[in-house]
Amino acid sequence: MDQEEKNAAVIRKLKENGYRITAQRKRLIRVILENEYSSCKEIYFAARKEDQKIGMATVYRMVQLLENMELIHKEMVLRL
């Protein structure tokens, strides 16, 4: 599964569960799935390079949501 397919699968899963797919969410999903990160803080700094409006709380909420949906695992360095 390539990067675009992973992004599409995560977005599809969010939509199926009734979540709105905003540009900011799409950006965060892409950033999270592109690389391995050891913390939400690293994701935050990577995402802020692309969008200065992304806040730390938004990153934490997205990571928690993806983990709750079992799409990522924090223990496994935030990988799908």
PDB file of N, CA and C in Angstrom:
ATOM      1  N   MET A   1       0.858  -1.174   0.000  1.00  0.00           N
ATOM      2  CA  MET A   1       0.000   0.000   0.000  1.00  0.00           C
ATOM      3  C   MET A   1       0.906   1.239   0.000  1.00  0.00           C
ATOM      4  N   ASP A   2       0.716   2.086  -0.984  1.00  0.00           N
ATOM      5  CA  ASP A   2       1.547   3.302  -1.050  1.00  0.00           C
ATOM      6  C   ASP A   2       0.947   4.402  -0.166  1.00  0.00           C
ATOM      7  N   GLN A   3       1.664   5.514  -0.114  1.00  0.00           N
ATOM      8  CA  GLN A   3       1.290   6.618   0.785  1.00  0.00           C
ATOM      9  C   GLN A   3      -0.109   7.156   0.487  1.00  0.00           C
ATOM     10  N   GLU A   4      -0.431   7.352  -0.776  1.00  0.00           N
ATOM     11  CA  GLU A   4      -1.759   7.886  -1.134  1.00  0.00           C
ATOM     12  C   GLU A   4      -2.862   6.934  -0.728  1.00  0.00           C
ATOM     13  N   GLU A   5      -2.629   5.639  -0.890  1.00  0.00           N
ATOM     14  CA  GLU A   5      -3.628   4.649  -0.501  1.00  0.00           C
ATOM     15  C   GLU A   5      -3.830   4.628   1.013  1.00  0.00           C
ATOM     16  N   LYS A   6      -2.733   4.771   1.770  1.00  0.00           N
ATOM     17  CA  LYS A   6      -2.844   4.829   3.228  1.00  0.00           C
ATOM     18  C   LYS A   6      -3.654   6.048   3.654  1.00  0.00           C
ATOM     19  N   ASN A   7      -3.331   7.202   3.056  1.00  0.00           N
ATOM     20  CA  ASN A   7      -4.070   8.434   3.375  1.00  0.00           C
ATOM     21  C   ASN A   7      -5.545   8.255   3.068  1.00  0.00           C
ATOM     22  N   ALA A   8      -5.845   7.710   1.888  1.00  0.00           N
ATOM     23  CA  ALA A   8      -7.234   7.520   1.466  1.00  0.00           C
ATOM     24  C   ALA A   8      -7.960   6.555   2.404  1.00  0.00           C
ATOM     25  N   ALA A   9      -7.277   5.506   2.846  1.00  0.00           N
ATOM     26  CA  ALA A   9      -7.891   4.530   3.749  1.00  0.00           C
ATOM     27  C   ALA A   9      -8.237   5.174   5.098  1.00  0.00           C
ATOM     28  N   VAL A  10      -7.344   5.994   5.621  1.00  0.00           N
ATOM     29  CA  VAL A  10      -7.586   6.664   6.901  1.00  0.00           C
ATOM     30  C   VAL A  10      -8.740   7.658   6.747  1.00  0.00           C
ATOM     31  N   ILE A  11      -8.736   8.424   5.682  1.00  0.00           N
ATOM     32  CA  ILE A  11      -9.806   9.401   5.440  1.00  0.00           C
ATOM     33  C   ILE A  11     -11.149   8.695   5.284  1.00  0.00           C
ATOM     34  N   ARG A  12     -11.163   7.591   4.555  1.00  0.00           N
ATOM     35  CA  ARG A  12     -12.396   6.827   4.357  1.00  0.00           C
ATOM     36  C   ARG A  12     -12.921   6.322   5.703  1.00  0.00           C
ATOM     37  N   LYS A  13     -12.027   5.830   6.557  1.00  0.00           N
ATOM     38  CA  LYS A  13     -12.416   5.327   7.861  1.00  0.00           C
ATOM     39  C   LYS A  13     -13.001   6.445   8.737  1.00  0.00           C
ATOM     40  N   LEU A  14     -12.377   7.619   8.686  1.00  0.00           N
ATOM     41  CA  LEU A  14     -12.902   8.757   9.444  1.00  0.00           C
ATOM     42  C   LEU A  14     -14.303   9.137   8.955  1.00  0.00           C
ATOM     43  N   LYS A  15     -14.473   9.198   7.638  1.00  0.00           N
ATOM     44  CA  LYS A  15     -15.789   9.541   7.069  1.00  0.00           C
ATOM     45  C   LYS A  15     -16.839   8.521   7.478  1.00  0.00           C
ATOM     46  N   GLU A  16     -16.469   7.247   7.437  1.00  0.00           N
ATOM     47  CA  GLU A  16     -17.401   6.176   7.820  1.00  0.00           C
ATOM     48  C   GLU A  16     -17.867   6.338   9.267  1.00  0.00           C
ATOM     49  N   ASN A  17     -17.028   6.920  10.084  1.00  0.00           N
ATOM     50  CA  ASN A  17     -17.349   7.114  11.492  1.00  0.00           C
ATOM     51  C   ASN A  17     -17.911   8.503  11.784  1.00  0.00           C
ATOM     52  N   GLY A  18     -18.252   9.231  10.736  1.00  0.00           N
ATOM     53  CA  GLY A  18     -18.950  10.495  10.895  1.00  0.00           C
ATOM     54  C   GLY A  18     -18.091  11.723  11.142  1.00  0.00           C
ATOM     55  N   TYR A  19     -16.789  11.625  10.920  1.00  0.00           N
ATOM     56  CA  TYR A  19     -15.905  12.772  11.133  1.00  0.00           C
ATOM     57  C   TYR A  19     -15.800  13.606   9.861  1.00  0.00           C
ATOM     58  N   ARG A  20     -15.810  14.926  10.050  1.00  0.00           N
ATOM     59  CA  ARG A  20     -15.596  15.839   8.923  1.00  0.00           C
ATOM     60  C   ARG A  20     -14.135  15.775   8.521  1.00  0.00           C
ATOM     61  N   ILE A  21     -13.900  15.870   7.231  1.00  0.00           N
ATOM     62  CA  ILE A  21     -12.529  15.833   6.727  1.00  0.00           C
ATOM     63  C   ILE A  21     -12.164  17.243   6.271  1.00  0.00           C
ATOM     64  N   THR A  22     -11.458  17.935   7.126  1.00  0.00           N
ATOM     65  CA  THR A  22     -11.032  19.300   6.829  1.00  0.00           C
ATOM     66  C   THR A  22      -9.647  19.273   6.186  1.00  0.00           C
ATOM     67  N   ALA A  23      -9.261  20.388   5.609  1.00  0.00           N
ATOM     68  CA  ALA A  23      -7.926  20.494   5.013  1.00  0.00           C
ATOM     69  C   ALA A  23      -6.855  20.267   6.077  1.00  0.00           C
ATOM     70  N   GLN A  24      -7.103  20.769   7.269  1.00  0.00           N
ATOM     71  CA  GLN A  24      -6.141  20.606   8.357  1.00  0.00           C
ATOM     72  C   GLN A  24      -6.004  19.135   8.761  1.00  0.00           C
ATOM     73  N   ARG A  25      -7.115  18.423   8.814  1.00  0.00           N
ATOM     74  CA  ARG A  25      -7.064  16.992   9.132  1.00  0.00           C
ATOM     75  C   ARG A  25      -6.323  16.226   8.045  1.00  0.00           C
ATOM     76  N   LYS A  26      -6.611  16.538   6.798  1.00  0.00           N
ATOM     77  CA  LYS A  26      -5.905  15.876   5.687  1.00  0.00           C
ATOM     78  C   LYS A  26      -4.404  16.099   5.803  1.00  0.00           C
ATOM     79  N   ARG A  27      -4.027  17.323   6.087  1.00  0.00           N
ATOM     80  CA  ARG A  27      -2.606  17.668   6.215  1.00  0.00           C
ATOM     81  C   ARG A  27      -1.967  16.886   7.356  1.00  0.00           C
ATOM     82  N   LEU A  28      -2.624  16.842   8.495  1.00  0.00           N
ATOM     83  CA  LEU A  28      -2.087  16.116   9.644  1.00  0.00           C
ATOM     84  C   LEU A  28      -1.977  14.620   9.367  1.00  0.00           C
ATOM     85  N   ILE A  29      -2.973  14.057   8.733  1.00  0.00           N
ATOM     86  CA  ILE A  29      -2.929  12.631   8.389  1.00  0.00           C
ATOM     87  C   ILE A  29      -1.728  12.359   7.496  1.00  0.00           C
ATOM     88  N   ARG A  30      -1.540  13.187   6.492  1.00  0.00           N
ATOM     89  CA  ARG A  30      -0.412  13.006   5.580  1.00  0.00           C
ATOM     90  C   ARG A  30       0.911  13.107   6.332  1.00  0.00           C
ATOM     91  N   VAL A  31       1.044  14.134   7.165  1.00  0.00           N
ATOM     92  CA  VAL A  31       2.285  14.331   7.926  1.00  0.00           C
ATOM     93  C   VAL A  31       2.540  13.130   8.841  1.00  0.00           C
ATOM     94  N   ILE A  32       1.516  12.673   9.545  1.00  0.00           N
ATOM     95  CA  ILE A  32       1.661  11.553  10.473  1.00  0.00           C
ATOM     96  C   ILE A  32       2.084  10.283   9.739  1.00  0.00           C
ATOM     97  N   LEU A  33       1.486  10.036   8.582  1.00  0.00           N
ATOM     98  CA  LEU A  33       1.763   8.794   7.875  1.00  0.00           C
ATOM     99  C   LEU A  33       3.040   8.828   7.042  1.00  0.00           C
ATOM    100  N   GLU A  34       3.544  10.019   6.755  1.00  0.00           N
ATOM    101  CA  GLU A  34       4.749  10.130   5.918  1.00  0.00           C
ATOM    102  C   GLU A  34       6.013   9.670   6.617  1.00  0.00           C
ATOM    103  N   ASN A  35       6.136   9.911   7.897  1.00  0.00           N
ATOM    104  CA  ASN A  35       7.375   9.653   8.620  1.00  0.00           C
ATOM    105  C   ASN A  35       7.107   8.972   9.943  1.00  0.00           C
ATOM    106  N   GLU A  36       8.175   8.514  10.570  1.00  0.00           N
ATOM    107  CA  GLU A  36       8.082   7.992  11.925  1.00  0.00           C
ATOM    108  C   GLU A  36       8.377   9.134  12.892  1.00  0.00           C
ATOM    109  N   TYR A  37       7.549   9.227  13.917  1.00  0.00           N
ATOM    110  CA  TYR A  37       7.726  10.266  14.925  1.00  0.00           C
ATOM    111  C   TYR A  37       7.745   9.621  16.293  1.00  0.00           C
ATOM    112  N   SER A  38       8.505  10.197  17.198  1.00  0.00           N
ATOM    113  CA  SER A  38       8.564   9.648  18.548  1.00  0.00           C
ATOM    114  C   SER A  38       7.660  10.401  19.512  1.00  0.00           C
ATOM    115  N   SER A  39       7.056  11.498  19.049  1.00  0.00           N
ATOM    116  CA  SER A  39       6.177  12.258  19.934  1.00  0.00           C
ATOM    117  C   SER A  39       5.223  13.133  19.125  1.00  0.00           C
ATOM    118  N   CYS A  40       4.170  13.565  19.798  1.00  0.00           N
ATOM    119  CA  CYS A  40       3.228  14.498  19.178  1.00  0.00           C
ATOM    120  C   CYS A  40       3.916  15.827  18.897  1.00  0.00           C
ATOM    121  N   LYS A  41       4.877  16.164  19.715  1.00  0.00           N
ATOM    122  CA  LYS A  41       5.609  17.416  19.530  1.00  0.00           C
ATOM    123  C   LYS A  41       6.335  17.423  18.182  1.00  0.00           C
ATOM    124  N   GLU A  42       6.923  16.299  17.806  1.00  0.00           N
ATOM    125  CA  GLU A  42       7.590  16.201  16.500  1.00  0.00           C
ATOM    126  C   GLU A  42       6.588  16.355  15.359  1.00  0.00           C
ATOM    127  N   ILE A  43       5.426  15.746  15.515  1.00  0.00           N
ATOM    128  CA  ILE A  43       4.380  15.883  14.494  1.00  0.00           C
ATOM    129  C   ILE A  43       3.964  17.341  14.395  1.00  0.00           C
ATOM    130  N   TYR A  44       3.794  17.971  15.541  1.00  0.00           N
ATOM    131  CA  TYR A  44       3.411  19.379  15.593  1.00  0.00           C
ATOM    132  C   TYR A  44       4.394  20.250  14.818  1.00  0.00           C
ATOM    133  N   PHE A  45       5.688  20.086  15.075  1.00  0.00           N
ATOM    134  CA  PHE A  45       6.685  20.912  14.392  1.00  0.00           C
ATOM    135  C   PHE A  45       6.718  20.635  12.891  1.00  0.00           C
ATOM    136  N   ALA A  46       6.542  19.382  12.503  1.00  0.00           N
ATOM    137  CA  ALA A  46       6.515  19.041  11.074  1.00  0.00           C
ATOM    138  C   ALA A  46       5.284  19.660  10.400  1.00  0.00           C
ATOM    139  N   ALA A  47       4.140  19.589  11.062  1.00  0.00           N
ATOM    140  CA  ALA A  47       2.907  20.135  10.504  1.00  0.00           C
ATOM    141  C   ALA A  47       2.950  21.661  10.447  1.00  0.00           C
ATOM    142  N   ARG A  48       3.558  22.290  11.447  1.00  0.00           N
ATOM    143  CA  ARG A  48       3.645  23.759  11.475  1.00  0.00           C
ATOM    144  C   ARG A  48       4.494  24.310  10.336  1.00  0.00           C
ATOM    145  N   LYS A  49       5.399  23.509   9.812  1.00  0.00           N
ATOM    146  CA  LYS A  49       6.195  23.955   8.667  1.00  0.00           C
ATOM    147  C   LYS A  49       5.300  24.192   7.457  1.00  0.00           C
ATOM    148  N   GLU A  50       4.184  23.464   7.400  1.00  0.00           N
ATOM    149  CA  GLU A  50       3.255  23.577   6.275  1.00  0.00           C
ATOM    150  C   GLU A  50       2.077  24.498   6.566  1.00  0.00           C
ATOM    151  N   ASP A  51       1.680  24.562   7.820  1.00  0.00           N
ATOM    152  CA  ASP A  51       0.507  25.353   8.186  1.00  0.00           C
ATOM    153  C   ASP A  51       0.695  25.933   9.587  1.00  0.00           C
ATOM    154  N   GLN A  52       0.942  27.218   9.656  1.00  0.00           N
ATOM    155  CA  GLN A  52       1.190  27.895  10.933  1.00  0.00           C
ATOM    156  C   GLN A  52      -0.040  27.911  11.841  1.00  0.00           C
ATOM    157  N   LYS A  53      -1.213  27.614  11.297  1.00  0.00           N
ATOM    158  CA  LYS A  53      -2.440  27.662  12.086  1.00  0.00           C
ATOM    159  C   LYS A  53      -2.677  26.394  12.901  1.00  0.00           C
ATOM    160  N   ILE A  54      -1.944  25.327  12.614  1.00  0.00           N
ATOM    161  CA  ILE A  54      -2.131  24.073  13.347  1.00  0.00           C
ATOM    162  C   ILE A  54      -1.602  24.234  14.768  1.00  0.00           C
ATOM    163  N   GLY A  55      -2.441  23.879  15.723  1.00  0.00           N
ATOM    164  CA  GLY A  55      -2.062  23.993  17.125  1.00  0.00           C
ATOM    165  C   GLY A  55      -1.695  22.646  17.733  1.00  0.00           C
ATOM    166  N   MET A  56      -0.993  22.702  18.834  1.00  0.00           N
ATOM    167  CA  MET A  56      -0.575  21.481  19.523  1.00  0.00           C
ATOM    168  C   MET A  56      -1.783  20.643  19.941  1.00  0.00           C
ATOM    169  N   ALA A  57      -2.835  21.294  20.425  1.00  0.00           N
ATOM    170  CA  ALA A  57      -4.036  20.561  20.849  1.00  0.00           C
ATOM    171  C   ALA A  57      -4.662  19.808  19.679  1.00  0.00           C
ATOM    172  N   THR A  58      -4.640  20.405  18.501  1.00  0.00           N
ATOM    173  CA  THR A  58      -5.180  19.758  17.310  1.00  0.00           C
ATOM    174  C   THR A  58      -4.399  18.490  16.997  1.00  0.00           C
ATOM    175  N   VAL A  59      -3.085  18.564  17.118  1.00  0.00           N
ATOM    176  CA  VAL A  59      -2.239  17.390  16.869  1.00  0.00           C
ATOM    177  C   VAL A  59      -2.564  16.300  17.883  1.00  0.00           C
ATOM    178  N   TYR A  60      -2.618  16.648  19.161  1.00  0.00           N
ATOM    179  CA  TYR A  60      -2.920  15.657  20.190  1.00  0.00           C
ATOM    180  C   TYR A  60      -4.287  15.009  19.952  1.00  0.00           C
ATOM    181  N   ARG A  61      -5.286  15.822  19.620  1.00  0.00           N
ATOM    182  CA  ARG A  61      -6.624  15.270  19.365  1.00  0.00           C
ATOM    183  C   ARG A  61      -6.616  14.326  18.171  1.00  0.00           C
ATOM    184  N   MET A  62      -5.906  14.697  17.096  1.00  0.00           N
ATOM    185  CA  MET A  62      -5.868  13.849  15.910  1.00  0.00           C
ATOM    186  C   MET A  62      -5.149  12.536  16.198  1.00  0.00           C
ATOM    187  N   VAL A  63      -4.029  12.603  16.892  1.00  0.00           N
ATOM    188  CA  VAL A  63      -3.292  11.385  17.235  1.00  0.00           C
ATOM    189  C   VAL A  63      -4.170  10.491  18.106  1.00  0.00           C
ATOM    190  N   GLN A  64      -4.857  11.075  19.091  1.00  0.00           N
ATOM    191  CA  GLN A  64      -5.730  10.298  19.969  1.00  0.00           C
ATOM    192  C   GLN A  64      -6.873   9.671  19.181  1.00  0.00           C
ATOM    193  N   LEU A  65      -7.467  10.424  18.282  1.00  0.00           N
ATOM    194  CA  LEU A  65      -8.556   9.906  17.448  1.00  0.00           C
ATOM    195  C   LEU A  65      -8.078   8.733  16.600  1.00  0.00           C
ATOM    196  N   LEU A  66      -6.936   8.902  15.937  1.00  0.00           N
ATOM    197  CA  LEU A  66      -6.410   7.829  15.090  1.00  0.00           C
ATOM    198  C   LEU A  66      -6.042   6.603  15.916  1.00  0.00           C
ATOM    199  N   GLU A  67      -5.540   6.832  17.114  1.00  0.00           N
ATOM    200  CA  GLU A  67      -5.211   5.701  17.986  1.00  0.00           C
ATOM    201  C   GLU A  67      -6.487   5.004  18.472  1.00  0.00           C
ATOM    202  N   ASN A  68      -7.492   5.772  18.859  1.00  0.00           N
ATOM    203  CA  ASN A  68      -8.764   5.190  19.310  1.00  0.00           C
ATOM    204  C   ASN A  68      -9.415   4.354  18.217  1.00  0.00           C
ATOM    205  N   MET A  69      -9.222   4.771  16.975  1.00  0.00           N
ATOM    206  CA  MET A  69      -9.777   4.032  15.836  1.00  0.00           C
ATOM    207  C   MET A  69      -8.845   2.909  15.381  1.00  0.00           C
ATOM    208  N   GLU A  70      -7.755   2.731  16.113  1.00  0.00           N
ATOM    209  CA  GLU A  70      -6.759   1.694  15.831  1.00  0.00           C
ATOM    210  C   GLU A  70      -6.138   1.833  14.446  1.00  0.00           C
ATOM    211  N   LEU A  71      -5.952   3.076  14.021  1.00  0.00           N
ATOM    212  CA  LEU A  71      -5.309   3.351  12.740  1.00  0.00           C
ATOM    213  C   LEU A  71      -3.815   3.601  12.910  1.00  0.00           C
ATOM    214  N   ILE A  72      -3.423   3.996  14.126  1.00  0.00           N
ATOM    215  CA  ILE A  72      -2.009   4.135  14.473  1.00  0.00           C
ATOM    216  C   ILE A  72      -1.838   3.619  15.898  1.00  0.00           C
ATOM    217  N   HIS A  73      -0.584   3.400  16.273  1.00  0.00           N
ATOM    218  CA  HIS A  73      -0.272   2.956  17.627  1.00  0.00           C
ATOM    219  C   HIS A  73       0.869   3.800  18.148  1.00  0.00           C
ATOM    220  N   LYS A  74       0.622   4.558  19.193  1.00  0.00           N
ATOM    221  CA  LYS A  74       1.661   5.435  19.750  1.00  0.00           C
ATOM    222  C   LYS A  74       2.879   4.637  20.180  1.00  0.00           C
ATOM    223  N   GLU A  75       2.657   3.460  20.733  1.00  0.00           N
ATOM    224  CA  GLU A  75       3.776   2.649  21.213  1.00  0.00           C
ATOM    225  C   GLU A  75       4.706   2.233  20.084  1.00  0.00           C
ATOM    226  N   MET A  76       4.186   2.179  18.886  1.00  0.00           N
ATOM    227  CA  MET A  76       4.990   1.757  17.744  1.00  0.00           C
ATOM    228  C   MET A  76       5.455   2.963  16.937  1.00  0.00           C
ATOM    229  N   VAL A  77       5.824   4.006  17.618  1.00  0.00           N
ATOM    230  CA  VAL A  77       6.377   5.227  17.028  1.00  0.00           C
ATOM    231  C   VAL A  77       5.427   5.829  15.995  1.00  0.00           C
ATOM    232  N   LEU A  78       4.157   5.853  16.338  1.00  0.00           N
ATOM    233  CA  LEU A  78       3.146   6.506  15.520  1.00  0.00           C
ATOM    234  C   LEU A  78       3.192   6.075  14.059  1.00  0.00           C
ATOM    235  N   ARG A  79       3.154   4.798  13.827  1.00  0.00           N
ATOM    236  CA  ARG A  79       3.111   4.274  12.451  1.00  0.00           C
ATOM    237  C   ARG A  79       1.792   3.575  12.220  1.00  0.00           C
ATOM    238  N   LEU A  80       1.324   3.604  10.994  1.00  0.00           N
ATOM    239  CA  LEU A  80       0.101   2.916  10.601  1.00  0.00           C
ATOM    240  C   LEU A  80       0.398   1.442  10.531  1.00  0.00           C
TER     241      LEU A  80
END
